[in-house]
Amino acid sequence: MNTKLKTHVLAAAVSVIAMPAFAAEEVKIGLPSWTGAQAIGHLLGEIVTSRIGGTVEYVPGNNATIFQAMDQGKGDIDVHPDVWLPNQQSFTKKYVDGTGSVTLSSNPYEGNQGFCVSKDFGMANNITDIADLGRPDVAALMDSDGNGKGEMWIGAPGWASANVNEVKTRDYGLLDFIEPIRAEESVKTARIKDSIAKGEGYAFYCYKPHAVWFMFDVEMLSEPTFDEAKYTMVQPSDDADWYEKSSVATKDALKNVQIAWSNSLEGRSPAITEFFNNFAVTADDVSGLAFEISANGMDPADAAKAWIEANSDRVDAMLGL
């Protein structure tokens, strides 16, 4: 009995000693506007708080703001939860390869992006390829404001992918028929729902993983097969004349999507940094989380808690347990 009592006392003492170290672990997670980033950001945060015992603050921001803060290393924003490459390569070249102030995780999941229409709209009008959006009859069916051009959502303000899609709209020869629209993703989702309900035409930038594949019956249009020789993209962060100097007439290559964090975080929160090095999710994980948030109205924090409960063994592995 004495041996057992001593063991329990020692364990309690070690636990008490360890508590201040865990309490000192803190991180500020940048939250871009798209649902996948919100989902992963809260998943990271929930694991930090519930399993590491650290504190978390969520900071809304676009790609440029988050990367600049990570580069400064002052703790204003420590993490970007959803870096799409090569979409955001201008930032990683500057801060990962250049200044060396930011680290990319080595456990990416695969992303695919393109342009979508509802299956009903596509089937009714024989729309299967991006070039079909340039047909006058199709463009007329997508013209909801009567300005003579069909609307196509190309992404939210601040998205690198929206810049790519703006160049694509031009280089696919669609500008005489299609008006590229930038708006928050919630606007796009509402417009998809409304267009399907009313039997109207609508096209939009789409990507996997994403909740849209669970929410609506949509299909991705074909594009010319990815050809590096036909894909020259200059981002606004690199050159003010980015639009004129860019030329994109091919589908994007499949993406690597991963998290990134400020190198300064390791000195301030080593346990969190070690977890980030081991963090890994799949495209299906992200689609499922995004669906719960977007379609079922679940709070991102609650969706993260449910995922962690259902995947406890995987979380343990990320924490080296």
Protein backbone atom coordinates (compact mmCIF):
# COMPACT_ATOMS: atom_id res chain seq x y z
CA MET A 1 0.00 0.00 0.00
CA ASN A 2 2.83 2.39 0.84
CA THR A 3 4.45 1.84 -2.56
CA LYS A 4 1.16 2.55 -4.34
CA LEU A 5 0.58 5.64 -2.21
CA LYS A 6 4.05 6.96 -3.02
CA THR A 7 3.41 6.35 -6.72
CA HIS A 8 0.16 8.31 -6.64
CA VAL A 9 1.77 11.16 -4.71
CA LEU A 10 4.65 11.31 -7.20
CA ALA A 11 2.27 11.28 -10.17
CA ALA A 12 0.24 14.09 -8.63
CA ALA A 13 3.38 16.12 -7.99
CA VAL A 14 4.57 15.66 -11.56
CA SER A 15 1.14 16.67 -12.81
CA VAL A 16 1.16 19.84 -10.73
CA ILE A 17 4.66 20.71 -11.88
CA ALA A 18 3.68 20.16 -15.52
CA MET A 19 0.57 22.32 -15.38
CA PRO A 20 2.30 25.73 -15.64
CA ALA A 21 4.20 24.54 -18.72
CA PHE A 22 0.97 23.54 -20.45
CA ALA A 23 -0.73 26.76 -19.36
CA ALA A 24 2.05 28.74 -21.00
CA GLU A 25 1.32 27.13 -24.36
CA GLU A 26 -0.72 29.54 -26.47
CA VAL A 27 -1.35 30.16 -30.14
CA LYS A 28 -3.24 32.59 -32.35
CA ILE A 29 -4.80 30.89 -35.36
CA GLY A 30 -5.55 32.87 -38.50
CA LEU A 31 -8.98 32.17 -39.98
CA PRO A 32 -9.51 32.84 -43.71
CA SER A 33 -13.13 33.08 -44.82
CA TRP A 34 -13.61 29.78 -46.64
CA THR A 35 -15.28 26.92 -44.76
CA GLY A 36 -12.43 24.42 -45.02
CA ALA A 37 -10.06 26.86 -43.38
CA GLN A 38 -12.59 27.58 -40.64
CA ALA A 39 -13.00 23.85 -40.05
CA ILE A 40 -9.29 23.07 -39.84
CA GLY A 41 -8.56 26.20 -37.81
CA HIS A 42 -11.06 25.18 -35.14
CA LEU A 43 -9.86 21.57 -35.27
CA LEU A 44 -6.32 22.74 -34.52
CA GLY A 45 -7.61 25.01 -31.78
CA GLU A 46 -9.76 22.38 -30.11
CA ILE A 47 -6.90 19.88 -29.97
CA VAL A 48 -4.63 22.55 -28.49
CA THR A 49 -7.14 23.46 -25.78
CA SER A 50 -8.63 20.06 -24.94
CA ARG A 51 -5.65 17.78 -25.40
CA ILE A 52 -2.57 19.97 -24.86
CA GLY A 53 -4.12 22.32 -22.31
CA GLY A 54 -3.10 25.48 -24.16
CA THR A 55 -5.01 28.64 -24.96
CA VAL A 56 -6.19 29.69 -28.42
CA GLU A 57 -7.30 32.91 -30.06
CA TYR A 58 -8.85 32.96 -33.52
CA VAL A 59 -7.96 35.92 -35.72
CA PRO A 60 -9.89 36.52 -38.98
CA GLY A 61 -7.70 37.51 -41.93
CA ASN A 62 -6.90 36.98 -45.58
CA ASN A 63 -3.83 35.19 -46.91
CA ALA A 64 -1.64 38.29 -47.12
CA THR A 65 -2.49 39.44 -43.60
CA ILE A 66 -1.87 36.01 -42.06
CA PHE A 67 1.44 35.41 -43.81
CA GLN A 68 2.71 38.90 -42.97
CA ALA A 69 1.88 38.38 -39.30
CA MET A 70 3.55 34.97 -39.25
CA ASP A 71 6.63 36.51 -40.86
CA GLN A 72 6.83 39.23 -38.20
CA GLY A 73 6.84 36.54 -35.54
CA LYS A 74 5.35 38.72 -32.80
CA GLY A 75 2.51 36.34 -32.03
CA ASP A 76 -0.24 38.46 -33.63
CA ILE A 77 -1.07 35.47 -35.85
CA ASP A 78 0.90 32.23 -35.57
CA VAL A 79 -0.81 29.80 -37.94
CA HIS A 80 -2.43 29.58 -41.37
CA PRO A 81 -4.70 26.49 -41.29
CA ASP A 82 -5.27 25.91 -45.02
CA VAL A 83 -2.44 26.82 -47.41
CA TRP A 84 -3.26 25.80 -50.98
CA LEU A 85 -0.25 25.26 -53.20
CA PRO A 86 0.60 26.37 -55.79
CA ASN A 87 -2.24 28.92 -55.38
CA GLN A 88 -0.49 30.67 -52.50
CA GLN A 89 3.02 30.01 -53.75
CA SER A 90 3.82 33.71 -53.94
CA PHE A 91 3.52 33.79 -50.14
CA THR A 92 5.43 30.57 -49.48
CA LYS A 93 8.24 31.63 -51.82
CA LYS A 94 8.54 34.89 -49.92
CA TYR A 95 8.20 33.68 -46.34
CA VAL A 96 9.10 29.96 -46.40
CA ASP A 97 11.80 29.85 -49.09
CA GLY A 98 12.84 33.51 -48.85
CA THR A 99 12.92 34.92 -45.35
CA GLY A 100 12.65 31.47 -43.79
CA SER A 101 10.28 32.82 -41.15
CA VAL A 102 7.43 30.37 -41.82
CA THR A 103 7.29 26.56 -41.82
CA LEU A 104 4.99 24.38 -43.97
CA SER A 105 3.74 21.08 -42.61
CA SER A 106 4.88 17.92 -44.38
CA ASN A 107 1.46 16.21 -44.28
CA PRO A 108 -0.67 17.76 -47.06
CA TYR A 109 -4.03 16.55 -48.30
CA GLU A 110 -5.01 16.67 -51.98
CA GLY A 111 -7.14 19.43 -53.44
CA ASN A 112 -8.80 19.76 -56.86
CA GLN A 113 -10.34 22.90 -58.28
CA GLY A 114 -12.30 23.96 -61.31
CA PHE A 115 -15.68 25.38 -62.33
CA CYS A 116 -19.07 23.84 -61.63
CA VAL A 117 -22.73 24.01 -62.64
CA SER A 118 -25.70 22.14 -61.24
CA LYS A 119 -26.21 18.74 -62.88
CA ASP A 120 -29.73 19.66 -63.96
CA PHE A 121 -28.56 22.85 -65.68
CA GLY A 122 -25.65 21.03 -67.29
CA MET A 123 -27.76 18.15 -68.58
CA ALA A 124 -30.58 20.36 -69.86
CA ASN A 125 -28.18 22.50 -71.90
CA ASN A 126 -25.40 20.04 -72.76
CA ILE A 127 -22.82 21.87 -70.63
CA THR A 128 -19.83 19.66 -69.91
CA ASP A 129 -16.77 21.80 -70.66
CA ILE A 130 -15.65 25.28 -69.62
CA ALA A 131 -15.91 26.39 -73.26
CA ASP A 132 -19.66 25.75 -73.15
CA LEU A 133 -20.06 28.77 -70.88
CA GLY A 134 -19.04 30.89 -73.87
CA ARG A 135 -22.05 29.81 -75.90
CA PRO A 136 -24.48 32.75 -76.27
CA ASP A 137 -27.49 30.57 -75.37
CA VAL A 138 -25.83 29.39 -72.15
CA ALA A 139 -24.62 32.88 -71.21
CA ALA A 140 -28.17 34.22 -71.65
CA LEU A 141 -29.50 31.61 -69.22
CA MET A 142 -26.92 32.73 -66.65
CA ASP A 143 -27.70 36.44 -66.98
CA SER A 144 -29.71 37.25 -63.85
CA ASP A 145 -29.26 41.05 -63.93
CA GLY A 146 -30.01 41.64 -67.61
CA ASN A 147 -26.64 43.18 -68.52
CA GLY A 148 -26.10 40.76 -71.40
CA LYS A 149 -23.53 38.59 -69.64
CA GLY A 150 -23.88 35.52 -67.49
CA GLU A 151 -22.48 35.71 -63.98
CA MET A 152 -19.82 33.32 -62.72
CA TRP A 153 -18.48 33.40 -59.18
CA ILE A 154 -14.66 33.16 -59.30
CA GLY A 155 -13.88 33.37 -55.58
CA ALA A 156 -13.84 35.70 -52.61
CA PRO A 157 -11.88 38.96 -52.33
CA GLY A 158 -8.30 38.25 -51.29
CA TRP A 159 -8.20 34.70 -52.64
CA ALA A 160 -5.20 33.89 -54.84
CA SER A 161 -7.41 31.40 -56.68
CA ALA A 162 -9.83 34.21 -57.60
CA ASN A 163 -6.97 35.99 -59.36
CA VAL A 164 -6.19 32.80 -61.29
CA ASN A 165 -9.84 32.39 -62.23
CA GLU A 166 -10.06 35.99 -63.43
CA VAL A 167 -7.14 35.35 -65.78
CA LYS A 168 -8.68 32.05 -66.88
CA THR A 169 -11.99 33.72 -67.73
CA ARG A 170 -10.09 36.02 -70.07
CA ASP A 171 -7.77 33.39 -71.56
CA TYR A 172 -10.57 30.88 -72.12
CA GLY A 173 -12.21 33.55 -74.27
CA LEU A 174 -15.24 33.97 -72.00
CA LEU A 175 -15.20 37.70 -71.22
CA ASP A 176 -17.58 38.61 -74.07
CA PHE A 177 -20.15 36.29 -72.51
CA ILE A 178 -19.30 35.88 -68.82
CA GLU A 179 -18.93 38.43 -66.02
CA PRO A 180 -16.51 37.20 -63.31
CA ILE A 181 -17.91 37.95 -59.85
CA ARG A 182 -15.97 38.22 -56.58
CA ALA A 183 -18.00 37.91 -53.40
CA GLU A 184 -17.87 36.10 -50.08
CA GLU A 185 -18.47 32.39 -50.27
CA SER A 186 -21.78 32.65 -48.45
CA VAL A 187 -23.09 34.71 -51.37
CA LYS A 188 -22.09 31.95 -53.79
CA THR A 189 -23.75 29.25 -51.69
CA ALA A 190 -27.00 31.21 -51.49
CA ARG A 191 -26.93 31.81 -55.25
CA ILE A 192 -26.43 28.10 -56.00
CA LYS A 193 -29.42 27.21 -53.83
CA ASP A 194 -31.56 29.94 -55.39
CA SER A 195 -30.61 29.07 -58.97
CA ILE A 196 -31.44 25.40 -58.47
CA ALA A 197 -34.76 26.22 -56.82
CA LYS A 198 -35.71 28.55 -59.68
CA GLY A 199 -34.27 26.40 -62.47
CA GLU A 200 -31.85 29.15 -63.49
CA GLY A 201 -28.35 28.91 -64.89
CA TYR A 202 -25.33 29.57 -62.71
CA ALA A 203 -21.63 28.70 -62.83
CA PHE A 204 -19.12 29.02 -60.01
CA TYR A 205 -15.60 28.24 -58.93
CA CYS A 206 -15.59 24.96 -57.05
CA TYR A 207 -13.04 22.79 -55.34
CA LYS A 208 -12.60 19.58 -53.44
CA PRO A 209 -12.72 19.09 -50.54
CA HIS A 210 -15.78 21.23 -49.90
CA ALA A 211 -19.25 20.93 -48.43
CA VAL A 212 -20.86 21.85 -51.77
CA TRP A 213 -20.52 18.23 -52.94
CA PHE A 214 -22.77 17.14 -50.08
CA MET A 215 -25.12 20.13 -50.25
CA PHE A 216 -26.07 20.23 -53.94
CA ASP A 217 -26.08 18.00 -57.00
CA VAL A 218 -23.30 19.70 -58.97
CA GLU A 219 -20.62 18.65 -61.43
CA MET A 220 -17.20 20.00 -62.34
CA LEU A 221 -16.70 21.05 -65.95
CA SER A 222 -13.78 19.72 -67.94
CA GLU A 223 -10.89 22.03 -68.84
CA PRO A 224 -7.80 21.59 -71.00
CA THR A 225 -5.44 19.17 -69.26
CA PHE A 226 -2.91 20.90 -67.04
CA ASP A 227 0.02 22.13 -69.10
CA GLU A 228 2.79 23.96 -67.27
CA ALA A 229 3.76 25.75 -70.50
CA LYS A 230 0.31 27.33 -70.65
CA TYR A 231 0.18 28.27 -66.99
CA THR A 232 1.95 31.50 -66.12
CA MET A 233 0.42 33.12 -63.06
CA VAL A 234 1.75 36.30 -61.45
CA GLN A 235 0.00 37.29 -58.23
CA PRO A 236 -0.73 40.93 -57.24
CA SER A 237 1.65 40.54 -54.30
CA ASP A 238 4.46 40.02 -56.81
CA ASP A 239 3.67 42.59 -59.48
CA ALA A 240 1.15 45.41 -59.88
CA ASP A 241 0.77 44.40 -63.55
CA TRP A 242 -0.09 40.82 -62.58
CA TYR A 243 -3.18 40.59 -64.80
CA GLU A 244 -1.37 41.66 -67.97
CA LYS A 245 1.66 39.48 -67.22
CA SER A 246 -0.34 36.35 -66.45
CA SER A 247 -1.54 33.76 -68.95
CA VAL A 248 -3.55 30.72 -67.86
CA ALA A 249 -5.35 28.57 -70.43
CA THR A 250 -5.26 25.19 -68.73
CA LYS A 251 -6.70 23.39 -65.74
CA ASP A 252 -4.89 23.79 -62.47
CA ALA A 253 -2.69 20.94 -61.31
CA LEU A 254 -3.90 19.01 -58.31
CA LYS A 255 -3.09 20.88 -55.10
CA ASN A 256 -1.24 20.18 -51.91
CA VAL A 257 -3.06 21.70 -48.95
CA GLN A 258 -1.35 22.01 -45.59
CA ILE A 259 -0.95 24.18 -42.53
CA ALA A 260 1.83 26.74 -41.99
CA TRP A 261 3.11 28.42 -38.85
CA SER A 262 5.52 31.10 -37.74
CA ASN A 263 8.96 29.79 -36.81
CA SER A 264 8.80 32.01 -33.74
CA LEU A 265 6.09 29.74 -32.32
CA GLU A 266 8.56 26.98 -31.45
CA GLY A 267 10.34 29.14 -28.91
CA ARG A 268 7.07 30.25 -27.34
CA SER A 269 4.99 27.06 -27.55
CA PRO A 270 7.11 23.99 -28.32
CA ALA A 271 4.38 21.43 -27.54
CA ILE A 272 1.97 23.10 -29.98
CA THR A 273 4.67 23.28 -32.64
CA GLU A 274 5.41 19.57 -32.23
CA PHE A 275 1.70 18.82 -32.67
CA PHE A 276 1.55 20.95 -35.82
CA ASN A 277 4.47 18.95 -37.25
CA ASN A 278 2.40 15.77 -36.84
CA PHE A 279 -1.01 17.14 -37.80
CA ALA A 280 -2.60 15.26 -40.72
CA VAL A 281 -6.13 15.13 -42.18
CA THR A 282 -7.58 13.85 -45.45
CA ALA A 283 -9.72 15.58 -48.06
CA ASP A 284 -12.68 13.49 -46.90
CA ASP A 285 -12.13 14.69 -43.32
CA VAL A 286 -12.27 18.30 -44.45
CA SER A 287 -15.30 17.77 -46.70
CA GLY A 288 -17.16 16.14 -43.82
CA LEU A 289 -16.34 18.96 -41.42
CA ALA A 290 -17.26 21.59 -44.01
CA PHE A 291 -20.58 19.85 -44.65
CA GLU A 292 -21.49 19.85 -40.97
CA ILE A 293 -20.70 23.55 -40.75
CA SER A 294 -22.18 24.76 -44.05
CA ALA A 295 -25.12 22.43 -44.56
CA ASN A 296 -26.11 21.42 -41.05
CA GLY A 297 -25.36 24.76 -39.42
CA MET A 298 -23.04 23.29 -36.81
CA ASP A 299 -20.72 25.72 -35.10
CA PRO A 300 -17.12 25.09 -36.26
CA ALA A 301 -16.01 24.55 -32.67
CA ASP A 302 -18.72 21.93 -32.11
CA ALA A 303 -17.88 20.22 -35.40
CA ALA A 304 -14.25 20.05 -34.32
CA LYS A 305 -15.16 18.54 -30.94
CA ALA A 306 -17.32 15.88 -32.59
CA TRP A 307 -14.54 14.99 -35.05
CA ILE A 308 -11.97 14.67 -32.25
CA GLU A 309 -14.28 12.42 -30.26
CA ALA A 310 -14.84 10.19 -33.31
CA ASN A 311 -11.12 10.10 -34.18
CA SER A 312 -9.48 9.91 -30.78
CA ASP A 313 -6.84 7.38 -31.85
CA ARG A 314 -5.74 9.55 -34.76
CA VAL A 315 -5.49 12.59 -32.50
CA ASP A 316 -3.41 10.55 -30.03
CA ALA A 317 -1.03 9.66 -32.85
CA MET A 318 -0.66 13.33 -33.81
CA LEU A 319 0.27 14.04 -30.19
CA GLY A 320 2.76 11.19 -30.05
CA LEU A 321 0.73 9.22 -27.51
